[in-house]
Amino acid sequence: MTKAQPPQEQISDAERERRKEAVDYARGSVRLEGGVLSEFAEDLNRRYINGEITREEKTAALLARYKP
């Protein structure tokens, strides 16, 4: 899992919805290619949508986990 970070500023409902739409779009794209996101990636997505982590933190965690 990712290293604990200080709490992020509270995000607005509009920002939460924008993040959810972006994650849903990306998830759909992966599924169209025949893939399924890992439990690790889905947990990061949930944390990102809820404003617990930034996009940069999510990307860094994914690269640290999956980059060859």
PDB file of N, CA and C in Angstrom:
ATOM      1  N   MET A   1       0.844  -1.165   0.000  1.00  0.00           N
ATOM      2  CA  MET A   1       0.000   0.000   0.000  1.00  0.00           C
ATOM      3  C   MET A   1       0.893   1.233   0.000  1.00  0.00           C
ATOM      4  N   THR A   2       0.294   2.382  -0.178  1.00  0.00           N
ATOM      5  CA  THR A   2       1.080   3.604  -0.218  1.00  0.00           C
ATOM      6  C   THR A   2       1.375   4.092   1.189  1.00  0.00           C
ATOM      7  N   LYS A   3       2.417   4.872   1.305  1.00  0.00           N
ATOM      8  CA  LYS A   3       2.818   5.463   2.576  1.00  0.00           C
ATOM      9  C   LYS A   3       1.744   6.448   3.024  1.00  0.00           C
ATOM     10  N   ALA A   4       1.448   6.459   4.325  1.00  0.00           N
ATOM     11  CA  ALA A   4       0.444   7.374   4.854  1.00  0.00           C
ATOM     12  C   ALA A   4       0.884   8.815   4.631  1.00  0.00           C
ATOM     13  N   GLN A   5      -0.019   9.598   4.133  1.00  0.00           N
ATOM     14  CA  GLN A   5       0.232  11.010   3.861  1.00  0.00           C
ATOM     15  C   GLN A   5      -0.636  11.849   4.795  1.00  0.00           C
ATOM     16  N   PRO A   6      -0.251  13.096   5.021  1.00  0.00           N
ATOM     17  CA  PRO A   6      -1.127  13.977   5.795  1.00  0.00           C
ATOM     18  C   PRO A   6      -2.472  14.098   5.077  1.00  0.00           C
ATOM     19  N   PRO A   7      -3.547  14.281   5.828  1.00  0.00           N
ATOM     20  CA  PRO A   7      -4.859  14.396   5.175  1.00  0.00           C
ATOM     21  C   PRO A   7      -4.881  15.518   4.150  1.00  0.00           C
ATOM     22  N   GLN A   8      -5.534  15.270   3.028  1.00  0.00           N
ATOM     23  CA  GLN A   8      -5.684  16.280   1.985  1.00  0.00           C
ATOM     24  C   GLN A   8      -6.827  17.214   2.378  1.00  0.00           C
ATOM     25  N   GLU A   9      -6.852  18.371   1.736  1.00  0.00           N
ATOM     26  CA  GLU A   9      -7.981  19.267   1.956  1.00  0.00           C
ATOM     27  C   GLU A   9      -9.250  18.573   1.497  1.00  0.00           C
ATOM     28  N   GLN A  10     -10.335  18.892   2.152  1.00  0.00           N
ATOM     29  CA  GLN A  10     -11.633  18.333   1.782  1.00  0.00           C
ATOM     30  C   GLN A  10     -11.943  18.719   0.335  1.00  0.00           C
ATOM     31  N   ILE A  11     -12.393  17.771  -0.466  1.00  0.00           N
ATOM     32  CA  ILE A  11     -12.769  18.089  -1.844  1.00  0.00           C
ATOM     33  C   ILE A  11     -14.274  18.327  -1.911  1.00  0.00           C
ATOM     34  N   SER A  12     -14.678  19.089  -2.893  1.00  0.00           N
ATOM     35  CA  SER A  12     -16.102  19.392  -3.058  1.00  0.00           C
ATOM     36  C   SER A  12     -16.823  18.193  -3.659  1.00  0.00           C
ATOM     37  N   ASP A  13     -18.141  18.212  -3.549  1.00  0.00           N
ATOM     38  CA  ASP A  13     -18.949  17.158  -4.165  1.00  0.00           C
ATOM     39  C   ASP A  13     -18.750  17.160  -5.676  1.00  0.00           C
ATOM     40  N   ALA A  14     -18.601  18.339  -6.256  1.00  0.00           N
ATOM     41  CA  ALA A  14     -18.394  18.435  -7.703  1.00  0.00           C
ATOM     42  C   ALA A  14     -17.057  17.795  -8.093  1.00  0.00           C
ATOM     43  N   GLU A  15     -16.014  18.049  -7.295  1.00  0.00           N
ATOM     44  CA  GLU A  15     -14.712  17.444  -7.580  1.00  0.00           C
ATOM     45  C   GLU A  15     -14.764  15.933  -7.394  1.00  0.00           C
ATOM     46  N   ARG A  16     -15.468  15.472  -6.365  1.00  0.00           N
ATOM     47  CA  ARG A  16     -15.618  14.033  -6.144  1.00  0.00           C
ATOM     48  C   ARG A  16     -16.314  13.385  -7.354  1.00  0.00           C
ATOM     49  N   GLU A  17     -17.338  14.035  -7.843  1.00  0.00           N
ATOM     50  CA  GLU A  17     -18.064  13.498  -9.002  1.00  0.00           C
ATOM     51  C   GLU A  17     -17.179  13.509 -10.246  1.00  0.00           C
ATOM     52  N   ARG A  18     -16.389  14.577 -10.439  1.00  0.00           N
ATOM     53  CA  ARG A  18     -15.478  14.643 -11.582  1.00  0.00           C
ATOM     54  C   ARG A  18     -14.472  13.506 -11.511  1.00  0.00           C
ATOM     55  N   ARG A  19     -13.938  13.260 -10.322  1.00  0.00           N
ATOM     56  CA  ARG A  19     -12.974  12.166 -10.155  1.00  0.00           C
ATOM     57  C   ARG A  19     -13.626  10.814 -10.426  1.00  0.00           C
ATOM     58  N   LYS A  20     -14.843  10.635  -9.921  1.00  0.00           N
ATOM     59  CA  LYS A  20     -15.554   9.364 -10.137  1.00  0.00           C
ATOM     60  C   LYS A  20     -15.789   9.132 -11.627  1.00  0.00           C
ATOM     61  N   GLU A  21     -16.214  10.157 -12.335  1.00  0.00           N
ATOM     62  CA  GLU A  21     -16.445  10.033 -13.776  1.00  0.00           C
ATOM     63  C   GLU A  21     -15.154   9.681 -14.505  1.00  0.00           C
ATOM     64  N   ALA A  22     -14.041  10.294 -14.116  1.00  0.00           N
ATOM     65  CA  ALA A  22     -12.756  10.008 -14.763  1.00  0.00           C
ATOM     66  C   ALA A  22     -12.325   8.565 -14.508  1.00  0.00           C
ATOM     67  N   VAL A  23     -12.489   8.109 -13.271  1.00  0.00           N
ATOM     68  CA  VAL A  23     -12.124   6.723 -12.931  1.00  0.00           C
ATOM     69  C   VAL A  23     -13.033   5.746 -13.666  1.00  0.00           C
ATOM     70  N   ASP A  24     -14.331   6.027 -13.699  1.00  0.00           N
ATOM     71  CA  ASP A  24     -15.263   5.145 -14.407  1.00  0.00           C
ATOM     72  C   ASP A  24     -14.925   5.056 -15.895  1.00  0.00           C
ATOM     73  N   TYR A  25     -14.560   6.183 -16.487  1.00  0.00           N
ATOM     74  CA  TYR A  25     -14.187   6.195 -17.900  1.00  0.00           C
ATOM     75  C   TYR A  25     -12.942   5.333 -18.129  1.00  0.00           C
ATOM     76  N   ALA A  26     -11.937   5.521 -17.281  1.00  0.00           N
ATOM     77  CA  ALA A  26     -10.698   4.745 -17.420  1.00  0.00           C
ATOM     78  C   ALA A  26     -10.967   3.254 -17.200  1.00  0.00           C
ATOM     79  N   ARG A  27     -11.777   2.924 -16.206  1.00  0.00           N
ATOM     80  CA  ARG A  27     -12.125   1.519 -15.941  1.00  0.00           C
ATOM     81  C   ARG A  27     -12.828   0.913 -17.165  1.00  0.00           C
ATOM     82  N   GLY A  28     -13.743   1.667 -17.756  1.00  0.00           N
ATOM     83  CA  GLY A  28     -14.439   1.183 -18.943  1.00  0.00           C
ATOM     84  C   GLY A  28     -13.484   0.957 -20.100  1.00  0.00           C
ATOM     85  N   SER A  29     -12.518   1.847 -20.270  1.00  0.00           N
ATOM     86  CA  SER A  29     -11.521   1.698 -21.323  1.00  0.00           C
ATOM     87  C   SER A  29     -10.702   0.417 -21.134  1.00  0.00           C
ATOM     88  N   VAL A  30     -10.299   0.177 -19.891  1.00  0.00           N
ATOM     89  CA  VAL A  30      -9.539  -1.046 -19.590  1.00  0.00           C
ATOM     90  C   VAL A  30     -10.383  -2.279 -19.909  1.00  0.00           C
ATOM     91  N   ARG A  31     -11.642  -2.255 -19.538  1.00  0.00           N
ATOM     92  CA  ARG A  31     -12.529  -3.408 -19.782  1.00  0.00           C
ATOM     93  C   ARG A  31     -12.755  -3.636 -21.276  1.00  0.00           C
ATOM     94  N   LEU A  32     -12.852  -2.547 -22.047  1.00  0.00           N
ATOM     95  CA  LEU A  32     -13.017  -2.706 -23.491  1.00  0.00           C
ATOM     96  C   LEU A  32     -11.822  -3.416 -24.115  1.00  0.00           C
ATOM     97  N   GLU A  33     -10.662  -3.256 -23.510  1.00  0.00           N
ATOM     98  CA  GLU A  33      -9.454  -3.921 -23.990  1.00  0.00           C
ATOM     99  C   GLU A  33      -9.316  -5.332 -23.420  1.00  0.00           C
ATOM    100  N   GLY A  34     -10.308  -5.755 -22.621  1.00  0.00           N
ATOM    101  CA  GLY A  34     -10.284  -7.097 -22.061  1.00  0.00           C
ATOM    102  C   GLY A  34      -9.602  -7.213 -20.720  1.00  0.00           C
ATOM    103  N   GLY A  35      -9.262  -6.087 -20.114  1.00  0.00           N
ATOM    104  CA  GLY A  35      -8.570  -6.107 -18.827  1.00  0.00           C
ATOM    105  C   GLY A  35      -9.509  -5.879 -17.655  1.00  0.00           C
ATOM    106  N   VAL A  36      -8.993  -6.155 -16.483  1.00  0.00           N
ATOM    107  CA  VAL A  36      -9.705  -5.899 -15.235  1.00  0.00           C
ATOM    108  C   VAL A  36      -8.708  -5.266 -14.273  1.00  0.00           C
ATOM    109  N   LEU A  37      -9.117  -4.201 -13.610  1.00  0.00           N
ATOM    110  CA  LEU A  37      -8.233  -3.539 -12.663  1.00  0.00           C
ATOM    111  C   LEU A  37      -8.037  -4.403 -11.421  1.00  0.00           C
ATOM    112  N   SER A  38      -6.834  -4.363 -10.894  1.00  0.00           N
ATOM    113  CA  SER A  38      -6.522  -5.130  -9.690  1.00  0.00           C
ATOM    114  C   SER A  38      -7.229  -4.532  -8.473  1.00  0.00           C
ATOM    115  N   GLU A  39      -7.306  -5.314  -7.422  1.00  0.00           N
ATOM    116  CA  GLU A  39      -7.870  -4.835  -6.161  1.00  0.00           C
ATOM    117  C   GLU A  39      -7.057  -3.647  -5.644  1.00  0.00           C
ATOM    118  N   PHE A  40      -5.730  -3.714  -5.832  1.00  0.00           N
ATOM    119  CA  PHE A  40      -4.846  -2.621  -5.426  1.00  0.00           C
ATOM    120  C   PHE A  40      -5.220  -1.340  -6.169  1.00  0.00           C
ATOM    121  N   ALA A  41      -5.385  -1.425  -7.484  1.00  0.00           N
ATOM    122  CA  ALA A  41      -5.740  -0.250  -8.282  1.00  0.00           C
ATOM    123  C   ALA A  41      -7.119   0.276  -7.908  1.00  0.00           C
ATOM    124  N   GLU A  42      -8.060  -0.609  -7.675  1.00  0.00           N
ATOM    125  CA  GLU A  42      -9.409  -0.175  -7.296  1.00  0.00           C
ATOM    126  C   GLU A  42      -9.400   0.505  -5.931  1.00  0.00           C
ATOM    127  N   ASP A  43      -8.560   0.030  -5.006  1.00  0.00           N
ATOM    128  CA  ASP A  43      -8.459   0.684  -3.708  1.00  0.00           C
ATOM    129  C   ASP A  43      -7.895   2.099  -3.877  1.00  0.00           C
ATOM    130  N   LEU A  44      -6.869   2.236  -4.715  1.00  0.00           N
ATOM    131  CA  LEU A  44      -6.325   3.570  -4.993  1.00  0.00           C
ATOM    132  C   LEU A  44      -7.385   4.457  -5.637  1.00  0.00           C
ATOM    133  N   ASN A  45      -8.157   3.904  -6.559  1.00  0.00           N
ATOM    134  CA  ASN A  45      -9.228   4.682  -7.193  1.00  0.00           C
ATOM    135  C   ASN A  45     -10.218   5.174  -6.150  1.00  0.00           C
ATOM    136  N   ARG A  46     -10.630   4.313  -5.227  1.00  0.00           N
ATOM    137  CA  ARG A  46     -11.571   4.689  -4.180  1.00  0.00           C
ATOM    138  C   ARG A  46     -10.996   5.825  -3.330  1.00  0.00           C
ATOM    139  N   ARG A  47      -9.734   5.697  -2.952  1.00  0.00           N
ATOM    140  CA  ARG A  47      -9.087   6.715  -2.131  1.00  0.00           C
ATOM    141  C   ARG A  47      -8.958   8.040  -2.892  1.00  0.00           C
ATOM    142  N   TYR A  48      -8.663   7.955  -4.186  1.00  0.00           N
ATOM    143  CA  TYR A  48      -8.572   9.157  -5.022  1.00  0.00           C
ATOM    144  C   TYR A  48      -9.936   9.850  -5.122  1.00  0.00           C
ATOM    145  N   ILE A  49     -10.963   9.094  -5.409  1.00  0.00           N
ATOM    146  CA  ILE A  49     -12.314   9.657  -5.530  1.00  0.00           C
ATOM    147  C   ILE A  49     -12.726  10.342  -4.228  1.00  0.00           C
ATOM    148  N   ASN A  50     -12.378   9.737  -3.100  1.00  0.00           N
ATOM    149  CA  ASN A  50     -12.762  10.286  -1.799  1.00  0.00           C
ATOM    150  C   ASN A  50     -11.870  11.438  -1.337  1.00  0.00           C
ATOM    151  N   GLY A  51     -10.838  11.763  -2.120  1.00  0.00           N
ATOM    152  CA  GLY A  51      -9.975  12.878  -1.776  1.00  0.00           C
ATOM    153  C   GLY A  51      -8.896  12.541  -0.767  1.00  0.00           C
ATOM    154  N   GLU A  52      -8.676  11.255  -0.525  1.00  0.00           N
ATOM    155  CA  GLU A  52      -7.653  10.827   0.440  1.00  0.00           C
ATOM    156  C   GLU A  52      -6.244  10.938  -0.136  1.00  0.00           C
ATOM    157  N   ILE A  53      -6.128  10.806  -1.457  1.00  0.00           N
ATOM    158  CA  ILE A  53      -4.843  10.920  -2.137  1.00  0.00           C
ATOM    159  C   ILE A  53      -5.030  11.752  -3.400  1.00  0.00           C
ATOM    160  N   THR A  54      -3.932  12.302  -3.878  1.00  0.00           N
ATOM    161  CA  THR A  54      -3.965  13.084  -5.112  1.00  0.00           C
ATOM    162  C   THR A  54      -3.763  12.158  -6.322  1.00  0.00           C
ATOM    163  N   ARG A  55      -3.979  12.710  -7.479  1.00  0.00           N
ATOM    164  CA  ARG A  55      -3.727  11.960  -8.717  1.00  0.00           C
ATOM    165  C   ARG A  55      -2.254  11.568  -8.800  1.00  0.00           C
ATOM    166  N   GLU A  56      -1.381  12.475  -8.404  1.00  0.00           N
ATOM    167  CA  GLU A  56       0.054  12.204  -8.450  1.00  0.00           C
ATOM    168  C   GLU A  56       0.434  11.069  -7.491  1.00  0.00           C
ATOM    169  N   GLU A  57      -0.168  11.054  -6.314  1.00  0.00           N
ATOM    170  CA  GLU A  57       0.103   9.976  -5.350  1.00  0.00           C
ATOM    171  C   GLU A  57      -0.410   8.637  -5.874  1.00  0.00           C
ATOM    172  N   LYS A  58      -1.571   8.664  -6.495  1.00  0.00           N
ATOM    173  CA  LYS A  58      -2.140   7.439  -7.072  1.00  0.00           C
ATOM    174  C   LYS A  58      -1.230   6.912  -8.172  1.00  0.00           C
ATOM    175  N   THR A  59      -0.789   7.791  -9.057  1.00  0.00           N
ATOM    176  CA  THR A  59       0.094   7.388 -10.149  1.00  0.00           C
ATOM    177  C   THR A  59       1.406   6.838  -9.609  1.00  0.00           C
ATOM    178  N   ALA A  60       1.985   7.512  -8.624  1.00  0.00           N
ATOM    179  CA  ALA A  60       3.250   7.054  -8.037  1.00  0.00           C
ATOM    180  C   ALA A  60       3.092   5.667  -7.415  1.00  0.00           C
ATOM    181  N   ALA A  61       1.995   5.433  -6.739  1.00  0.00           N
ATOM    182  CA  ALA A  61       1.770   4.127  -6.112  1.00  0.00           C
ATOM    183  C   ALA A  61       1.629   3.039  -7.168  1.00  0.00           C
ATOM    184  N   LEU A  62       0.911   3.330  -8.251  1.00  0.00           N
ATOM    185  CA  LEU A  62       0.755   2.348  -9.324  1.00  0.00           C
ATOM    186  C   LEU A  62       2.093   2.036 -10.002  1.00  0.00           C
ATOM    187  N   LEU A  63       2.868   3.083 -10.275  1.00  0.00           N
ATOM    188  CA  LEU A  63       4.179   2.870 -10.908  1.00  0.00           C
ATOM    189  C   LEU A  63       5.123   2.091  -9.995  1.00  0.00           C
ATOM    190  N   ALA A  64       5.088   2.403  -8.705  1.00  0.00           N
ATOM    191  CA  ALA A  64       5.946   1.693  -7.758  1.00  0.00           C
ATOM    192  C   ALA A  64       5.579   0.215  -7.698  1.00  0.00           C
ATOM    193  N   ARG A  65       4.315  -0.081  -7.834  1.00  0.00           N
ATOM    194  CA  ARG A  65       3.846  -1.465  -7.722  1.00  0.00           C
ATOM    195  C   ARG A  65       4.058  -2.250  -9.011  1.00  0.00           C
ATOM    196  N   TYR A  66       3.822  -1.622 -10.161  1.00  0.00           N
ATOM    197  CA  TYR A  66       3.766  -2.366 -11.427  1.00  0.00           C
ATOM    198  C   TYR A  66       4.872  -2.057 -12.421  1.00  0.00           C
ATOM    199  N   LYS A  67       5.640  -1.009 -12.214  1.00  0.00           N
ATOM    200  CA  LYS A  67       6.686  -0.664 -13.177  1.00  0.00           C
ATOM    201  C   LYS A  67       7.777  -1.737 -13.141  1.00  0.00           C
ATOM    202  N   PRO A  68       8.140  -2.263 -14.327  1.00  0.00           N
ATOM    203  CA  PRO A  68       9.166  -3.327 -14.359  1.00  0.00           C
ATOM    204  C   PRO A  68      10.549  -2.832 -13.922  1.00  0.00           C
TER     205      PRO A  68
END
